[in-house]
Amino acid sequence: MEFARRLKEGDGGDIGVHASITVAQALLAGGVVDELRLVIAPGVAEGGRRLLEGLHAMRFETLSSSMSSTGYLMVGYRVLA
């Protein structure tokens, strides 16, 4: 987590995590996430892991939302302290 903190404090652009719930959960739990950008598919799986499951309570502010022509919902959230 210390590596992620140093990256966040340094100069540079955004850091993205794609398709890794484990890494995303660790970063959220460590308090180093400023924004979430989620793509929500228009389907329901029978099982699977949930991004926010097992994490402490958090609040989010909606920054943006849009829908693709195929029904995917793209949502941006700011993580509030």
N, C-alpha and C. Protein backbone atom coordinates (compact mmCIF):
# COMPACT_ATOMS: atom_id res chain seq x y z
N MET A 1 0.82 -1.19 0.00
CA MET A 1 0.00 0.00 0.00
C MET A 1 0.86 1.26 0.00
N GLU A 2 2.05 1.15 0.60
CA GLU A 2 2.94 2.32 0.65
C GLU A 2 3.33 2.77 -0.76
N PHE A 3 3.52 1.83 -1.66
CA PHE A 3 3.84 2.15 -3.05
C PHE A 3 2.72 2.97 -3.68
N ALA A 4 1.47 2.57 -3.43
CA ALA A 4 0.32 3.30 -3.98
C ALA A 4 0.24 4.71 -3.39
N ARG A 5 0.55 4.84 -2.12
CA ARG A 5 0.54 6.18 -1.49
C ARG A 5 1.59 7.09 -2.11
N ARG A 6 2.78 6.55 -2.38
CA ARG A 6 3.84 7.35 -3.00
C ARG A 6 3.45 7.76 -4.42
N LEU A 7 2.82 6.86 -5.17
CA LEU A 7 2.35 7.20 -6.51
C LEU A 7 1.32 8.33 -6.46
N LYS A 8 0.40 8.22 -5.53
CA LYS A 8 -0.66 9.22 -5.40
C LYS A 8 -0.08 10.60 -5.06
N GLU A 9 0.92 10.63 -4.21
CA GLU A 9 1.51 11.90 -3.78
C GLU A 9 2.43 12.50 -4.84
N GLY A 10 2.88 11.71 -5.79
CA GLY A 10 3.80 12.19 -6.81
C GLY A 10 3.10 12.90 -7.95
N ASP A 11 3.91 13.40 -8.88
CA ASP A 11 3.38 14.05 -10.07
C ASP A 11 2.97 12.98 -11.07
N GLY A 12 2.03 13.33 -11.93
CA GLY A 12 1.61 12.39 -12.96
C GLY A 12 0.12 12.38 -13.13
N GLY A 13 -0.33 11.50 -13.98
CA GLY A 13 -1.74 11.40 -14.31
C GLY A 13 -2.46 10.37 -13.48
N ASP A 14 -3.59 9.97 -14.01
CA ASP A 14 -4.43 8.99 -13.33
C ASP A 14 -3.77 7.61 -13.33
N ILE A 15 -4.12 6.83 -12.33
CA ILE A 15 -3.71 5.43 -12.24
C ILE A 15 -4.97 4.61 -12.32
N GLY A 16 -5.03 3.68 -13.25
CA GLY A 16 -6.23 2.87 -13.43
C GLY A 16 -6.02 1.42 -13.04
N VAL A 17 -7.07 0.81 -12.57
CA VAL A 17 -7.09 -0.62 -12.27
C VAL A 17 -8.20 -1.22 -13.12
N HIS A 18 -7.85 -2.17 -13.94
CA HIS A 18 -8.84 -2.78 -14.84
C HIS A 18 -8.99 -4.26 -14.50
N ALA A 19 -10.21 -4.67 -14.24
CA ALA A 19 -10.57 -6.09 -14.07
C ALA A 19 -9.87 -6.78 -12.92
N SER A 20 -9.60 -6.08 -11.83
CA SER A 20 -9.03 -6.72 -10.65
C SER A 20 -9.75 -6.22 -9.41
N ILE A 21 -10.75 -6.97 -9.00
CA ILE A 21 -11.50 -6.60 -7.80
C ILE A 21 -10.58 -6.61 -6.58
N THR A 22 -9.66 -7.57 -6.52
CA THR A 22 -8.76 -7.68 -5.37
C THR A 22 -7.92 -6.42 -5.21
N VAL A 23 -7.32 -5.94 -6.30
CA VAL A 23 -6.49 -4.73 -6.23
C VAL A 23 -7.37 -3.51 -5.92
N ALA A 24 -8.51 -3.40 -6.58
CA ALA A 24 -9.40 -2.26 -6.35
C ALA A 24 -9.87 -2.23 -4.90
N GLN A 25 -10.22 -3.39 -4.33
CA GLN A 25 -10.66 -3.43 -2.93
C GLN A 25 -9.53 -3.02 -1.99
N ALA A 26 -8.32 -3.47 -2.26
CA ALA A 26 -7.18 -3.12 -1.41
C ALA A 26 -6.93 -1.61 -1.44
N LEU A 27 -7.01 -1.02 -2.63
CA LEU A 27 -6.80 0.42 -2.75
C LEU A 27 -7.92 1.21 -2.07
N LEU A 28 -9.16 0.76 -2.22
CA LEU A 28 -10.28 1.41 -1.53
C LEU A 28 -10.12 1.30 -0.01
N ALA A 29 -9.78 0.11 0.46
CA ALA A 29 -9.60 -0.10 1.91
C ALA A 29 -8.45 0.74 2.45
N GLY A 30 -7.42 0.96 1.62
CA GLY A 30 -6.27 1.73 2.03
C GLY A 30 -6.47 3.23 1.95
N GLY A 31 -7.61 3.66 1.42
CA GLY A 31 -7.93 5.09 1.38
C GLY A 31 -7.16 5.87 0.34
N VAL A 32 -6.69 5.22 -0.74
CA VAL A 32 -5.90 5.93 -1.75
C VAL A 32 -6.67 6.17 -3.05
N VAL A 33 -7.96 5.87 -3.06
CA VAL A 33 -8.77 6.05 -4.26
C VAL A 33 -9.50 7.40 -4.19
N ASP A 34 -9.35 8.21 -5.23
CA ASP A 34 -10.05 9.48 -5.32
C ASP A 34 -11.36 9.35 -6.10
N GLU A 35 -11.31 8.56 -7.18
CA GLU A 35 -12.48 8.40 -8.04
C GLU A 35 -12.63 6.95 -8.48
N LEU A 36 -13.88 6.57 -8.70
CA LEU A 36 -14.21 5.28 -9.30
C LEU A 36 -14.88 5.54 -10.64
N ARG A 37 -14.50 4.81 -11.64
CA ARG A 37 -15.19 4.86 -12.93
C ARG A 37 -15.62 3.44 -13.23
N LEU A 38 -16.91 3.20 -13.16
CA LEU A 38 -17.44 1.86 -13.31
C LEU A 38 -18.18 1.69 -14.63
N VAL A 39 -18.08 0.50 -15.19
CA VAL A 39 -18.87 0.11 -16.35
C VAL A 39 -19.78 -1.01 -15.87
N ILE A 40 -21.07 -0.78 -15.96
CA ILE A 40 -22.06 -1.73 -15.45
C ILE A 40 -22.76 -2.38 -16.63
N ALA A 41 -22.65 -3.70 -16.71
CA ALA A 41 -23.21 -4.45 -17.83
C ALA A 41 -24.71 -4.67 -17.64
N PRO A 42 -25.45 -4.74 -18.76
CA PRO A 42 -26.90 -4.94 -18.67
C PRO A 42 -27.26 -6.42 -18.52
N GLY A 43 -26.73 -7.05 -17.52
CA GLY A 43 -27.02 -8.46 -17.26
C GLY A 43 -26.76 -8.77 -15.80
N VAL A 44 -27.23 -9.91 -15.36
CA VAL A 44 -27.07 -10.31 -13.97
C VAL A 44 -26.38 -11.67 -13.94
N ALA A 45 -25.33 -11.77 -13.16
CA ALA A 45 -24.63 -13.03 -12.99
C ALA A 45 -25.21 -13.76 -11.79
N GLU A 46 -25.14 -15.07 -11.82
CA GLU A 46 -25.65 -15.85 -10.69
C GLU A 46 -24.79 -15.70 -9.45
N GLY A 47 -23.54 -15.48 -9.63
CA GLY A 47 -22.64 -15.37 -8.49
C GLY A 47 -21.51 -14.44 -8.86
N GLY A 48 -20.51 -14.45 -8.04
CA GLY A 48 -19.36 -13.60 -8.31
C GLY A 48 -19.07 -12.69 -7.14
N ARG A 49 -17.96 -12.01 -7.26
CA ARG A 49 -17.53 -11.11 -6.19
C ARG A 49 -18.15 -9.74 -6.39
N ARG A 50 -18.30 -9.02 -5.30
CA ARG A 50 -18.84 -7.67 -5.32
C ARG A 50 -17.75 -6.70 -4.92
N LEU A 51 -17.62 -5.63 -5.67
CA LEU A 51 -16.54 -4.68 -5.48
C LEU A 51 -16.48 -4.12 -4.06
N LEU A 52 -17.59 -3.74 -3.49
CA LEU A 52 -17.59 -3.06 -2.20
C LEU A 52 -17.83 -4.00 -1.02
N GLU A 53 -17.98 -5.28 -1.27
CA GLU A 53 -18.23 -6.25 -0.21
C GLU A 53 -17.04 -6.35 0.74
N GLY A 54 -17.31 -6.27 2.03
CA GLY A 54 -16.27 -6.41 3.03
C GLY A 54 -15.51 -5.13 3.34
N LEU A 55 -15.83 -4.04 2.68
CA LEU A 55 -15.15 -2.77 2.93
C LEU A 55 -15.91 -1.94 3.96
N HIS A 56 -15.22 -1.00 4.57
CA HIS A 56 -15.87 -0.10 5.52
C HIS A 56 -16.88 0.78 4.77
N ALA A 57 -17.78 1.38 5.49
CA ALA A 57 -18.79 2.24 4.88
C ALA A 57 -18.10 3.42 4.18
N MET A 58 -18.56 3.74 2.98
CA MET A 58 -18.01 4.84 2.21
C MET A 58 -19.14 5.64 1.61
N ARG A 59 -18.83 6.89 1.29
CA ARG A 59 -19.79 7.75 0.59
C ARG A 59 -19.18 8.15 -0.73
N PHE A 60 -20.04 8.32 -1.74
CA PHE A 60 -19.61 8.69 -3.07
C PHE A 60 -20.45 9.84 -3.60
N GLU A 61 -19.83 10.65 -4.42
CA GLU A 61 -20.54 11.72 -5.13
C GLU A 61 -20.51 11.36 -6.61
N THR A 62 -21.68 11.38 -7.25
CA THR A 62 -21.74 11.08 -8.67
C THR A 62 -21.14 12.23 -9.47
N LEU A 63 -20.18 11.89 -10.33
CA LEU A 63 -19.53 12.89 -11.18
C LEU A 63 -20.08 12.88 -12.59
N SER A 64 -20.39 11.69 -13.09
CA SER A 64 -20.87 11.57 -14.46
C SER A 64 -21.59 10.24 -14.64
N SER A 65 -22.43 10.20 -15.66
CA SER A 65 -23.07 8.93 -16.04
C SER A 65 -23.50 9.04 -17.50
N SER A 66 -23.37 7.92 -18.20
CA SER A 66 -23.82 7.85 -19.59
C SER A 66 -24.07 6.39 -19.93
N MET A 67 -24.82 6.18 -21.00
CA MET A 67 -25.14 4.83 -21.42
C MET A 67 -24.66 4.63 -22.85
N SER A 68 -24.05 3.47 -23.09
CA SER A 68 -23.59 3.15 -24.43
C SER A 68 -24.77 2.70 -25.29
N SER A 69 -24.54 2.62 -26.57
CA SER A 69 -25.61 2.17 -27.49
C SER A 69 -25.99 0.72 -27.25
N THR A 70 -25.13 -0.03 -26.57
CA THR A 70 -25.43 -1.44 -26.28
C THR A 70 -25.96 -1.65 -24.87
N GLY A 71 -26.22 -0.56 -24.14
CA GLY A 71 -26.86 -0.67 -22.83
C GLY A 71 -25.92 -0.69 -21.64
N TYR A 72 -24.64 -0.53 -21.85
CA TYR A 72 -23.71 -0.48 -20.72
C TYR A 72 -23.78 0.91 -20.08
N LEU A 73 -23.80 0.93 -18.76
CA LEU A 73 -23.86 2.19 -18.02
C LEU A 73 -22.46 2.53 -17.53
N MET A 74 -21.97 3.71 -17.87
CA MET A 74 -20.67 4.18 -17.40
C MET A 74 -20.92 5.27 -16.36
N VAL A 75 -20.39 5.06 -15.16
CA VAL A 75 -20.64 5.99 -14.06
C VAL A 75 -19.31 6.37 -13.40
N GLY A 76 -19.15 7.65 -13.13
CA GLY A 76 -17.98 8.13 -12.41
C GLY A 76 -18.40 8.63 -11.04
N TYR A 77 -17.66 8.23 -10.02
CA TYR A 77 -17.93 8.64 -8.64
C TYR A 77 -16.67 9.23 -8.02
N ARG A 78 -16.82 10.24 -7.19
CA ARG A 78 -15.75 10.74 -6.34
C ARG A 78 -15.93 10.09 -4.97
N VAL A 79 -14.83 9.59 -4.43
CA VAL A 79 -14.86 9.01 -3.08
C VAL A 79 -14.80 10.15 -2.09
N LEU A 80 -15.78 10.24 -1.21
CA LEU A 80 -15.83 11.29 -0.19
C LEU A 80 -15.21 10.80 1.10
N ALA A 81 -14.60 11.68 1.83
CA ALA A 81 -13.96 11.30 3.11
C ALA A 81 -14.97 11.05 4.18
